[in-house]
Amino acid sequence: MTRKTIFVSVNDSYALGGSMTQLAWAAHAGWPRTFASCEDVQVLVAVKDKMSIGAWSVIGVYLSKETYTTPGGDRPRIAFALGESVPLDPTLHNVPSEFRRGCVIAER
């Protein structure tokens, strides 16, 4: 069974050795995606230096107060309400090579 998964880069927002709470905080919000592209995401994977370092079930998606700029104007960034951590099974270690604006959605 595949799951819609968002891989998010925490290269600039998380230092290795930090707690899982700090990792979840760094990973959950600020993503320049549309709500429609994220509303059915099931798993969020935090990626540091091209390696999966944490994963959580996604229990909700919402618009954050942060924005990003597009040719059509500013848009709200996306944030995820994270549930329980999930095991980093082999499919979640298969990190996509191309991240656009720090994140990428893939079926895993």
PDB file of N, CA and C in Angstrom:
ATOM      1  N   MET A   1       0.845  -1.184   0.000  1.00  0.00           N
ATOM      2  CA  MET A   1       0.000   0.000   0.000  1.00  0.00           C
ATOM      3  C   MET A   1       0.891   1.248   0.000  1.00  0.00           C
ATOM      4  N   THR A   2       0.635   2.155  -0.904  1.00  0.00           N
ATOM      5  CA  THR A   2       1.409   3.399  -0.934  1.00  0.00           C
ATOM      6  C   THR A   2       0.687   4.484  -0.145  1.00  0.00           C
ATOM      7  N   ARG A   3       1.472   5.429   0.334  1.00  0.00           N
ATOM      8  CA  ARG A   3       0.930   6.560   1.088  1.00  0.00           C
ATOM      9  C   ARG A   3       1.463   7.838   0.470  1.00  0.00           C
ATOM     10  N   LYS A   4       0.615   8.857   0.404  1.00  0.00           N
ATOM     11  CA  LYS A   4       1.080  10.162  -0.060  1.00  0.00           C
ATOM     12  C   LYS A   4       1.944  10.747   1.050  1.00  0.00           C
ATOM     13  N   THR A   5       3.203  11.020   0.700  1.00  0.00           N
ATOM     14  CA  THR A   5       4.219  11.400   1.679  1.00  0.00           C
ATOM     15  C   THR A   5       4.872  12.705   1.264  1.00  0.00           C
ATOM     16  N   ILE A   6       5.026  13.619   2.219  1.00  0.00           N
ATOM     17  CA  ILE A   6       5.794  14.832   1.950  1.00  0.00           C
ATOM     18  C   ILE A   6       7.143  14.703   2.656  1.00  0.00           C
ATOM     19  N   PHE A   7       8.192  14.919   1.901  1.00  0.00           N
ATOM     20  CA  PHE A   7       9.555  14.960   2.423  1.00  0.00           C
ATOM     21  C   PHE A   7       9.920  16.429   2.577  1.00  0.00           C
ATOM     22  N   VAL A   8      10.357  16.824   3.773  1.00  0.00           N
ATOM     23  CA  VAL A   8      10.682  18.225   4.034  1.00  0.00           C
ATOM     24  C   VAL A   8      12.122  18.345   4.522  1.00  0.00           C
ATOM     25  N   SER A   9      12.835  19.324   4.004  1.00  0.00           N
ATOM     26  CA  SER A   9      14.220  19.552   4.397  1.00  0.00           C
ATOM     27  C   SER A   9      14.273  20.356   5.692  1.00  0.00           C
ATOM     28  N   VAL A  10      15.021  19.834   6.650  1.00  0.00           N
ATOM     29  CA  VAL A  10      15.252  20.566   7.897  1.00  0.00           C
ATOM     30  C   VAL A  10      16.730  20.959   8.009  1.00  0.00           C
ATOM     31  N   ASN A  11      17.406  21.037   6.870  1.00  0.00           N
ATOM     32  CA  ASN A  11      18.838  21.370   6.859  1.00  0.00           C
ATOM     33  C   ASN A  11      19.141  22.673   7.587  1.00  0.00           C
ATOM     34  N   ASP A  12      18.288  23.678   7.430  1.00  0.00           N
ATOM     35  CA  ASP A  12      18.550  24.994   8.022  1.00  0.00           C
ATOM     36  C   ASP A  12      17.849  25.224   9.358  1.00  0.00           C
ATOM     37  N   SER A  13      16.976  24.298   9.760  1.00  0.00           N
ATOM     38  CA  SER A  13      16.150  24.570  10.938  1.00  0.00           C
ATOM     39  C   SER A  13      16.319  23.581  12.083  1.00  0.00           C
ATOM     40  N   TYR A  14      17.157  22.570  11.907  1.00  0.00           N
ATOM     41  CA  TYR A  14      17.324  21.553  12.948  1.00  0.00           C
ATOM     42  C   TYR A  14      18.781  21.126  13.015  1.00  0.00           C
ATOM     43  N   ALA A  15      19.319  21.053  14.225  1.00  0.00           N
ATOM     44  CA  ALA A  15      20.692  20.582  14.437  1.00  0.00           C
ATOM     45  C   ALA A  15      20.647  19.131  14.903  1.00  0.00           C
ATOM     46  N   LEU A  16      21.416  18.273  14.249  1.00  0.00           N
ATOM     47  CA  LEU A  16      21.475  16.873  14.665  1.00  0.00           C
ATOM     48  C   LEU A  16      21.819  16.786  16.141  1.00  0.00           C
ATOM     49  N   GLY A  17      21.157  15.861  16.826  1.00  0.00           N
ATOM     50  CA  GLY A  17      21.347  15.718  18.262  1.00  0.00           C
ATOM     51  C   GLY A  17      20.239  16.373  19.059  1.00  0.00           C
ATOM     52  N   GLY A  18      19.399  17.162  18.385  1.00  0.00           N
ATOM     53  CA  GLY A  18      18.255  17.774  19.050  1.00  0.00           C
ATOM     54  C   GLY A  18      17.197  16.720  19.368  1.00  0.00           C
ATOM     55  N   SER A  19      16.192  17.101  20.108  1.00  0.00           N
ATOM     56  CA  SER A  19      15.130  16.171  20.498  1.00  0.00           C
ATOM     57  C   SER A  19      14.153  15.933  19.348  1.00  0.00           C
ATOM     58  N   MET A  20      13.348  14.883  19.493  1.00  0.00           N
ATOM     59  CA  MET A  20      12.309  14.613  18.501  1.00  0.00           C
ATOM     60  C   MET A  20      11.264  15.733  18.501  1.00  0.00           C
ATOM     61  N   THR A  21      11.032  16.348  19.651  1.00  0.00           N
ATOM     62  CA  THR A  21      10.109  17.481  19.713  1.00  0.00           C
ATOM     63  C   THR A  21      10.645  18.643  18.887  1.00  0.00           C
ATOM     64  N   GLN A  22      11.940  18.921  19.006  1.00  0.00           N
ATOM     65  CA  GLN A  22      12.552  19.985  18.203  1.00  0.00           C
ATOM     66  C   GLN A  22      12.500  19.650  16.715  1.00  0.00           C
ATOM     67  N   LEU A  23      12.708  18.389  16.379  1.00  0.00           N
ATOM     68  CA  LEU A  23      12.646  17.971  14.981  1.00  0.00           C
ATOM     69  C   LEU A  23      11.231  18.133  14.436  1.00  0.00           C
ATOM     70  N   ALA A  24      10.237  17.711  15.182  1.00  0.00           N
ATOM     71  CA  ALA A  24       8.847  17.854  14.737  1.00  0.00           C
ATOM     72  C   ALA A  24       8.497  19.328  14.547  1.00  0.00           C
ATOM     73  N   TRP A  25       8.946  20.181  15.462  1.00  0.00           N
ATOM     74  CA  TRP A  25       8.674  21.616  15.351  1.00  0.00           C
ATOM     75  C   TRP A  25       9.308  22.189  14.087  1.00  0.00           C
ATOM     76  N   ALA A  26      10.538  21.782  13.784  1.00  0.00           N
ATOM     77  CA  ALA A  26      11.234  22.276  12.589  1.00  0.00           C
ATOM     78  C   ALA A  26      10.563  21.785  11.308  1.00  0.00           C
ATOM     79  N   ALA A  27       9.974  20.610  11.358  1.00  0.00           N
ATOM     80  CA  ALA A  27       9.434  19.985  10.151  1.00  0.00           C
ATOM     81  C   ALA A  27       7.980  20.336   9.857  1.00  0.00           C
ATOM     82  N   HIS A  28       7.208  20.717  10.837  1.00  0.00           N
ATOM     83  CA  HIS A  28       5.754  20.759  10.661  1.00  0.00           C
ATOM     84  C   HIS A  28       5.224  21.934   9.838  1.00  0.00           C
ATOM     85  N   ALA A  29       5.927  23.051   9.752  1.00  0.00           N
ATOM     86  CA  ALA A  29       5.295  24.240   9.159  1.00  0.00           C
ATOM     87  C   ALA A  29       6.219  25.013   8.236  1.00  0.00           C
ATOM     88  N   GLY A  30       5.572  25.895   7.475  1.00  0.00           N
ATOM     89  CA  GLY A  30       6.294  26.848   6.642  1.00  0.00           C
ATOM     90  C   GLY A  30       6.540  26.392   5.219  1.00  0.00           C
ATOM     91  N   TRP A  31       5.732  25.476   4.716  1.00  0.00           N
ATOM     92  CA  TRP A  31       6.003  24.894   3.402  1.00  0.00           C
ATOM     93  C   TRP A  31       5.235  25.592   2.295  1.00  0.00           C
ATOM     94  N   PRO A  32       5.929  25.993   1.232  1.00  0.00           N
ATOM     95  CA  PRO A  32       5.300  26.734   0.129  1.00  0.00           C
ATOM     96  C   PRO A  32       4.596  25.801  -0.851  1.00  0.00           C
ATOM     97  N   ARG A  33       3.488  25.265  -0.407  1.00  0.00           N
ATOM     98  CA  ARG A  33       2.665  24.376  -1.222  1.00  0.00           C
ATOM     99  C   ARG A  33       1.227  24.877  -1.160  1.00  0.00           C
ATOM    100  N   THR A  34       0.406  24.400  -2.073  1.00  0.00           N
ATOM    101  CA  THR A  34      -1.010  24.746  -1.995  1.00  0.00           C
ATOM    102  C   THR A  34      -1.704  23.800  -1.026  1.00  0.00           C
ATOM    103  N   PHE A  35      -2.792  24.276  -0.467  1.00  0.00           N
ATOM    104  CA  PHE A  35      -3.576  23.438   0.434  1.00  0.00           C
ATOM    105  C   PHE A  35      -4.056  22.194  -0.308  1.00  0.00           C
ATOM    106  N   ALA A  36      -4.519  22.377  -1.547  1.00  0.00           N
ATOM    107  CA  ALA A  36      -5.049  21.254  -2.326  1.00  0.00           C
ATOM    108  C   ALA A  36      -4.006  20.163  -2.542  1.00  0.00           C
ATOM    109  N   SER A  37      -2.748  20.540  -2.723  1.00  0.00           N
ATOM    110  CA  SER A  37      -1.713  19.526  -2.965  1.00  0.00           C
ATOM    111  C   SER A  37      -1.347  18.762  -1.695  1.00  0.00           C
ATOM    112  N   CYS A  38      -1.715  19.302  -0.538  1.00  0.00           N
ATOM    113  CA  CYS A  38      -1.300  18.696   0.732  1.00  0.00           C
ATOM    114  C   CYS A  38      -2.433  18.099   1.549  1.00  0.00           C
ATOM    115  N   GLU A  39      -3.673  18.360   1.181  1.00  0.00           N
ATOM    116  CA  GLU A  39      -4.769  17.973   2.058  1.00  0.00           C
ATOM    117  C   GLU A  39      -4.905  16.470   2.259  1.00  0.00           C
ATOM    118  N   ASP A  40      -4.367  15.656   1.353  1.00  0.00           N
ATOM    119  CA  ASP A  40      -4.455  14.211   1.540  1.00  0.00           C
ATOM    120  C   ASP A  40      -3.098  13.557   1.813  1.00  0.00           C
ATOM    121  N   VAL A  41      -2.110  14.357   2.235  1.00  0.00           N
ATOM    122  CA  VAL A  41      -0.817  13.807   2.649  1.00  0.00           C
ATOM    123  C   VAL A  41      -1.030  12.988   3.921  1.00  0.00           C
ATOM    124  N   GLN A  42      -0.435  11.808   3.954  1.00  0.00           N
ATOM    125  CA  GLN A  42      -0.609  10.907   5.093  1.00  0.00           C
ATOM    126  C   GLN A  42       0.607  10.838   6.011  1.00  0.00           C
ATOM    127  N   VAL A  43       1.796  11.091   5.448  1.00  0.00           N
ATOM    128  CA  VAL A  43       3.031  10.964   6.226  1.00  0.00           C
ATOM    129  C   VAL A  43       3.943  12.142   5.911  1.00  0.00           C
ATOM    130  N   LEU A  44       4.593  12.690   6.931  1.00  0.00           N
ATOM    131  CA  LEU A  44       5.615  13.721   6.760  1.00  0.00           C
ATOM    132  C   LEU A  44       6.950  13.125   7.194  1.00  0.00           C
ATOM    133  N   VAL A  45       7.966  13.283   6.338  1.00  0.00           N
ATOM    134  CA  VAL A  45       9.310  12.784   6.629  1.00  0.00           C
ATOM    135  C   VAL A  45      10.271  13.967   6.681  1.00  0.00           C
ATOM    136  N   ALA A  46      10.983  14.097   7.794  1.00  0.00           N
ATOM    137  CA  ALA A  46      12.010  15.133   7.931  1.00  0.00           C
ATOM    138  C   ALA A  46      13.313  14.604   7.348  1.00  0.00           C
ATOM    139  N   VAL A  47      13.947  15.439   6.508  1.00  0.00           N
ATOM    140  CA  VAL A  47      15.175  15.043   5.815  1.00  0.00           C
ATOM    141  C   VAL A  47      16.288  16.020   6.180  1.00  0.00           C
ATOM    142  N   LYS A  48      17.426  15.477   6.570  1.00  0.00           N
ATOM    143  CA  LYS A  48      18.615  16.279   6.883  1.00  0.00           C
ATOM    144  C   LYS A  48      19.769  15.715   6.069  1.00  0.00           C
ATOM    145  N   ASP A  49      20.391  16.559   5.266  1.00  0.00           N
ATOM    146  CA  ASP A  49      21.524  16.135   4.443  1.00  0.00           C
ATOM    147  C   ASP A  49      21.206  14.882   3.623  1.00  0.00           C
ATOM    148  N   LYS A  50      20.026  14.889   3.002  1.00  0.00           N
ATOM    149  CA  LYS A  50      19.558  13.824   2.098  1.00  0.00           C
ATOM    150  C   LYS A  50      19.271  12.498   2.797  1.00  0.00           C
ATOM    151  N   MET A  51      19.116  12.530   4.130  1.00  0.00           N
ATOM    152  CA  MET A  51      18.792  11.321   4.887  1.00  0.00           C
ATOM    153  C   MET A  51      17.517  11.541   5.689  1.00  0.00           C
ATOM    154  N   SER A  52      16.621  10.549   5.680  1.00  0.00           N
ATOM    155  CA  SER A  52      15.413  10.602   6.500  1.00  0.00           C
ATOM    156  C   SER A  52      15.812  10.454   7.957  1.00  0.00           C
ATOM    157  N   ILE A  53      15.350  11.389   8.799  1.00  0.00           N
ATOM    158  CA  ILE A  53      15.727  11.325  10.218  1.00  0.00           C
ATOM    159  C   ILE A  53      14.524  11.270  11.152  1.00  0.00           C
ATOM    160  N   GLY A  54      13.320  11.397  10.630  1.00  0.00           N
ATOM    161  CA  GLY A  54      12.118  11.302  11.445  1.00  0.00           C
ATOM    162  C   GLY A  54      10.893  11.297  10.562  1.00  0.00           C
ATOM    163  N   ALA A  55       9.818  10.658  11.040  1.00  0.00           N
ATOM    164  CA  ALA A  55       8.575  10.606  10.263  1.00  0.00           C
ATOM    165  C   ALA A  55       7.385  10.561  11.210  1.00  0.00           C
ATOM    166  N   TRP A  56       6.289  11.176  10.776  1.00  0.00           N
ATOM    167  CA  TRP A  56       5.069  11.242  11.567  1.00  0.00           C
ATOM    168  C   TRP A  56       3.857  11.037  10.675  1.00  0.00           C
ATOM    169  N   SER A  57       2.791  10.531  11.266  1.00  0.00           N
ATOM    170  CA  SER A  57       1.512  10.531  10.562  1.00  0.00           C
ATOM    171  C   SER A  57       1.008  11.970  10.543  1.00  0.00           C
ATOM    172  N   VAL A  58       0.291  12.316   9.500  1.00  0.00           N
ATOM    173  CA  VAL A  58      -0.295  13.657   9.377  1.00  0.00           C
ATOM    174  C   VAL A  58      -1.765  13.544   9.731  1.00  0.00           C
ATOM    175  N   ILE A  59      -2.199  14.316  10.725  1.00  0.00           N
ATOM    176  CA  ILE A  59      -3.597  14.267  11.135  1.00  0.00           C
ATOM    177  C   ILE A  59      -4.385  15.485  10.669  1.00  0.00           C
ATOM    178  N   GLY A  60      -3.694  16.454  10.086  1.00  0.00           N
ATOM    179  CA  GLY A  60      -4.377  17.629   9.559  1.00  0.00           C
ATOM    180  C   GLY A  60      -3.421  18.547   8.829  1.00  0.00           C
ATOM    181  N   VAL A  61      -3.992  19.401   8.002  1.00  0.00           N
ATOM    182  CA  VAL A  61      -3.234  20.390   7.231  1.00  0.00           C
ATOM    183  C   VAL A  61      -3.934  21.728   7.420  1.00  0.00           C
ATOM    184  N   TYR A  62      -3.160  22.797   7.571  1.00  0.00           N
ATOM    185  CA  TYR A  62      -3.774  24.116   7.714  1.00  0.00           C
ATOM    186  C   TYR A  62      -2.872  25.182   7.106  1.00  0.00           C
ATOM    187  N   LEU A  63      -3.454  26.335   6.849  1.00  0.00           N
ATOM    188  CA  LEU A  63      -2.707  27.475   6.320  1.00  0.00           C
ATOM    189  C   LEU A  63      -2.033  28.186   7.483  1.00  0.00           C
ATOM    190  N   SER A  64      -0.734  28.417   7.366  1.00  0.00           N
ATOM    191  CA  SER A  64      -0.020  29.124   8.424  1.00  0.00           C
ATOM    192  C   SER A  64      -0.098  30.632   8.179  1.00  0.00           C
ATOM    193  N   LYS A  65       0.386  31.402   9.128  1.00  0.00           N
ATOM    194  CA  LYS A  65       0.404  32.858   8.977  1.00  0.00           C
ATOM    195  C   LYS A  65       1.564  33.319   8.108  1.00  0.00           C
ATOM    196  N   GLU A  66       2.549  32.437   7.883  1.00  0.00           N
ATOM    197  CA  GLU A  66       3.680  32.763   7.015  1.00  0.00           C
ATOM    198  C   GLU A  66       3.219  32.761   5.559  1.00  0.00           C
ATOM    199  N   THR A  67       3.897  33.528   4.730  1.00  0.00           N
ATOM    200  CA  THR A  67       3.555  33.571   3.307  1.00  0.00           C
ATOM    201  C   THR A  67       4.797  33.350   2.448  1.00  0.00           C
ATOM    202  N   TYR A  68       4.543  33.063   1.178  1.00  0.00           N
ATOM    203  CA  TYR A  68       5.608  33.016   0.181  1.00  0.00           C
ATOM    204  C   TYR A  68       5.118  33.753  -1.047  1.00  0.00           C
ATOM    205  N   THR A  69       6.049  34.241  -1.839  1.00  0.00           N
ATOM    206  CA  THR A  69       5.712  35.088  -2.974  1.00  0.00           C
ATOM    207  C   THR A  69       5.666  34.280  -4.258  1.00  0.00           C
ATOM    208  N   THR A  70       4.617  34.525  -5.040  1.00  0.00           N
ATOM    209  CA  THR A  70       4.478  33.937  -6.372  1.00  0.00           C
ATOM    210  C   THR A  70       4.237  35.078  -7.352  1.00  0.00           C
ATOM    211  N   PRO A  71       4.325  34.812  -8.652  1.00  0.00           N
ATOM    212  CA  PRO A  71       4.023  35.872  -9.623  1.00  0.00           C
ATOM    213  C   PRO A  71       2.614  36.451  -9.451  1.00  0.00           C
ATOM    214  N   GLY A  72       1.705  35.651  -8.893  1.00  0.00           N
ATOM    215  CA  GLY A  72       0.340  36.115  -8.673  1.00  0.00           C
ATOM    216  C   GLY A  72       0.120  36.787  -7.335  1.00  0.00           C
ATOM    217  N   GLY A  73       1.174  36.941  -6.540  1.00  0.00           N
ATOM    218  CA  GLY A  73       1.042  37.576  -5.229  1.00  0.00           C
ATOM    219  C   GLY A  73       1.434  36.633  -4.104  1.00  0.00           C
ATOM    220  N   ASP A  74       1.343  37.132  -2.891  1.00  0.00           N
ATOM    221  CA  ASP A  74       1.703  36.330  -1.725  1.00  0.00           C
ATOM    222  C   ASP A  74       0.647  35.270  -1.446  1.00  0.00           C
ATOM    223  N   ARG A  75       1.115  34.108  -0.994  1.00  0.00           N
ATOM    224  CA  ARG A  75       0.227  33.001  -0.630  1.00  0.00           C
ATOM    225  C   ARG A  75       0.632  32.474   0.740  1.00  0.00           C
ATOM    226  N   PRO A  76      -0.335  31.934   1.489  1.00  0.00           N
ATOM    227  CA  PRO A  76       0.021  31.375   2.794  1.00  0.00           C
ATOM    228  C   PRO A  76       0.806  30.076   2.639  1.00  0.00           C
ATOM    229  N   ARG A  77       1.735  29.867   3.556  1.00  0.00           N
ATOM    230  CA  ARG A  77       2.464  28.601   3.591  1.00  0.00           C
ATOM    231  C   ARG A  77       1.609  27.551   4.303  1.00  0.00           C
ATOM    232  N   ILE A  78       1.959  26.304   4.088  1.00  0.00           N
ATOM    233  CA  ILE A  78       1.213  25.186   4.648  1.00  0.00           C
ATOM    234  C   ILE A  78       1.900  24.688   5.916  1.00  0.00           C
ATOM    235  N   ALA A  79       1.085  24.248   6.865  1.00  0.00           N
ATOM    236  CA  ALA A  79       1.585  23.605   8.078  1.00  0.00           C
ATOM    237  C   ALA A  79       0.824  22.298   8.272  1.00  0.00           C
ATOM    238  N   PHE A  80       1.454  21.373   8.968  1.00  0.00           N
ATOM    239  CA  PHE A  80       0.867  20.058   9.198  1.00  0.00           C
ATOM    240  C   PHE A  80       0.686  19.816  10.686  1.00  0.00           C
ATOM    241  N   ALA A  81      -0.471  19.284  11.051  1.00  0.00           N
ATOM    242  CA  ALA A  81      -0.686  18.800  12.409  1.00  0.00           C
ATOM    243  C   ALA A  81      -0.172  17.365  12.419  1.00  0.00           C
ATOM    244  N   LEU A  82       0.857  17.121  13.220  1.00  0.00           N
ATOM    245  CA  LEU A  82       1.498  15.812  13.230  1.00  0.00           C
ATOM    246  C   LEU A  82       0.929  14.930  14.325  1.00  0.00           C
ATOM    247  N   GLY A  83       0.766  13.663  13.981  1.00  0.00           N
ATOM    248  CA  GLY A  83       0.324  12.666  14.943  1.00  0.00           C
ATOM    249  C   GLY A  83       1.522  11.919  15.511  1.00  0.00           C
ATOM    250  N   GLU A  84       1.341  10.627  15.682  1.00  0.00           N
ATOM    251  CA  GLU A  84       2.392   9.772  16.223  1.00  0.00           C
ATOM    252  C   GLU A  84       3.557   9.652  15.251  1.00  0.00           C
ATOM    253  N   SER A  85       4.742   9.428  15.791  1.00  0.00           N
ATOM    254  CA  SER A  85       5.877   9.132  14.919  1.00  0.00           C
ATOM    255  C   SER A  85       5.644   7.764  14.293  1.00  0.00           C
ATOM    256  N   VAL A  86       6.172   7.590  13.093  1.00  0.00           N
ATOM    257  CA  VAL A  86       6.040   6.313  12.390  1.00  0.00           C
ATOM    258  C   VAL A  86       7.437   5.770  12.119  1.00  0.00           C
ATOM    259  N   PRO A  87       7.567   4.444  12.061  1.00  0.00           N
ATOM    260  CA  PRO A  87       8.886   3.862  11.792  1.00  0.00           C
ATOM    261  C   PRO A  87       9.411   4.290  10.428  1.00  0.00           C
ATOM    262  N   LEU A  88      10.708   4.491  10.353  1.00  0.00           N
ATOM    263  CA  LEU A  88      11.356   4.831   9.084  1.00  0.00           C
ATOM    264  C   LEU A  88      11.618   3.539   8.315  1.00  0.00           C
ATOM    265  N   ASP A  89      10.564   3.011   7.706  1.00  0.00           N
ATOM    266  CA  ASP A  89      10.727   1.781   6.935  1.00  0.00           C
ATOM    267  C   ASP A  89      11.517   2.069   5.659  1.00  0.00           C
ATOM    268  N   PRO A  90      11.971   1.039   4.957  1.00  0.00           N
ATOM    269  CA  PRO A  90      12.830   1.258   3.780  1.00  0.00           C
ATOM    270  C   PRO A  90      12.250   2.206   2.731  1.00  0.00           C
ATOM    271  N   THR A  91      10.937   2.221   2.552  1.00  0.00           N
ATOM    272  CA  THR A  91      10.369   3.119   1.538  1.00  0.00           C
ATOM    273  C   THR A  91      10.580   4.584   1.905  1.00  0.00           C
ATOM    274  N   LEU A  92      10.623   4.889   3.190  1.00  0.00           N
ATOM    275  CA  LEU A  92      10.806   6.276   3.626  1.00  0.00           C
ATOM    276  C   LEU A  92      12.269   6.706   3.589  1.00  0.00           C
ATOM    277  N   HIS A  93      13.170   5.756   3.450  1.00  0.00           N
ATOM    278  CA  HIS A  93      14.592   6.091   3.279  1.00  0.00           C
ATOM    279  C   HIS A  93      14.914   6.424   1.829  1.00  0.00           C
ATOM    280  N   ASN A  94      13.998   6.135   0.937  1.00  0.00           N
ATOM    281  CA  ASN A  94      14.170   6.439  -0.486  1.00  0.00           C
ATOM    282  C   ASN A  94      13.788   7.903  -0.705  1.00  0.00           C
ATOM    283  N   VAL A  95      14.703   8.802  -0.370  1.00  0.00           N
ATOM    284  CA  VAL A  95      14.451  10.246  -0.419  1.00  0.00           C
ATOM    285  C   VAL A  95      14.539  10.730  -1.866  1.00  0.00           C
ATOM    286  N   PRO A  96      13.512  11.442  -2.344  1.00  0.00           N
ATOM    287  CA  PRO A  96      13.593  11.996  -3.705  1.00  0.00           C
ATOM    288  C   PRO A  96      14.803  12.919  -3.847  1.00  0.00           C
ATOM    289  N   SER A  97      15.368  12.960  -5.032  1.00  0.00           N
ATOM    290  CA  SER A  97      16.573  13.770  -5.236  1.00  0.00           C
ATOM    291  C   SER A  97      16.266  15.244  -5.471  1.00  0.00           C
ATOM    292  N   GLU A  98      15.091  15.556  -5.971  1.00  0.00           N
ATOM    293  CA  GLU A  98      14.739  16.943  -6.297  1.00  0.00           C
ATOM    294  C   GLU A  98      13.765  17.508  -5.268  1.00  0.00           C
ATOM    295  N   PHE A  99      14.209  18.512  -4.532  1.00  0.00           N
ATOM    296  CA  PHE A  99      13.330  19.223  -3.607  1.00  0.00           C
ATOM    297  C   PHE A  99      13.071  20.598  -4.199  1.00  0.00           C
ATOM    298  N   ARG A 100      11.810  20.998  -4.256  1.00  0.00           N
ATOM    299  CA  ARG A 100      11.462  22.332  -4.741  1.00  0.00           C
ATOM    300  C   ARG A 100      11.049  23.168  -3.543  1.00  0.00           C
ATOM    301  N   ARG A 101      11.782  24.219  -3.290  1.00  0.00           N
ATOM    302  CA  ARG A 101      11.509  25.096  -2.142  1.00  0.00           C
ATOM    303  C   ARG A 101      11.492  24.327  -0.823  1.00  0.00           C
ATOM    304  N   GLY A 102      12.345  23.332  -0.723  1.00  0.00           N
ATOM    305  CA  GLY A 102      12.513  22.628   0.541  1.00  0.00           C
ATOM    306  C   GLY A 102      11.625  21.439   0.792  1.00  0.00           C
ATOM    307  N   CYS A 103      10.759  21.093  -0.156  1.00  0.00           N
ATOM    308  CA  CYS A 103       9.888  19.947   0.075  1.00  0.00           C
ATOM    309  C   CYS A 103       9.491  19.297  -1.245  1.00  0.00           C
ATOM    310  N   VAL A 104       9.039  18.059  -1.141  1.00  0.00           N
ATOM    311  CA  VAL A 104       8.565  17.328  -2.310  1.00  0.00           C
ATOM    312  C   VAL A 104       7.544  16.293  -1.842  1.00  0.00           C
ATOM    313  N   ILE A 105       6.515  16.090  -2.647  1.00  0.00           N
ATOM    314  CA  ILE A 105       5.495  15.089  -2.345  1.00  0.00           C
ATOM    315  C   ILE A 105       5.716  13.893  -3.257  1.00  0.00           C
ATOM    316  N   ALA A 106       5.623  12.691  -2.665  1.00  0.00           N
ATOM    317  CA  ALA A 106       5.822  11.462  -3.428  1.00  0.00           C
ATOM    318  C   ALA A 106       4.941  10.357  -2.849  1.00  0.00           C
ATOM    319  N   GLU A 107       4.682   9.345  -3.636  1.00  0.00           N
ATOM    320  CA  GLU A 107       3.980   8.155  -3.151  1.00  0.00           C
ATOM    321  C   GLU A 107       5.027   7.183  -2.620  1.00  0.00           C
ATOM    322  N   ARG A 108       4.846   6.726  -1.404  1.00  0.00           N
ATOM    323  CA  ARG A 108       5.781   5.760  -0.804  1.00  0.00           C
ATOM    324  C   ARG A 108       5.021   4.665  -0.093  1.00  0.00           C
TER     325      ARG A 108
END
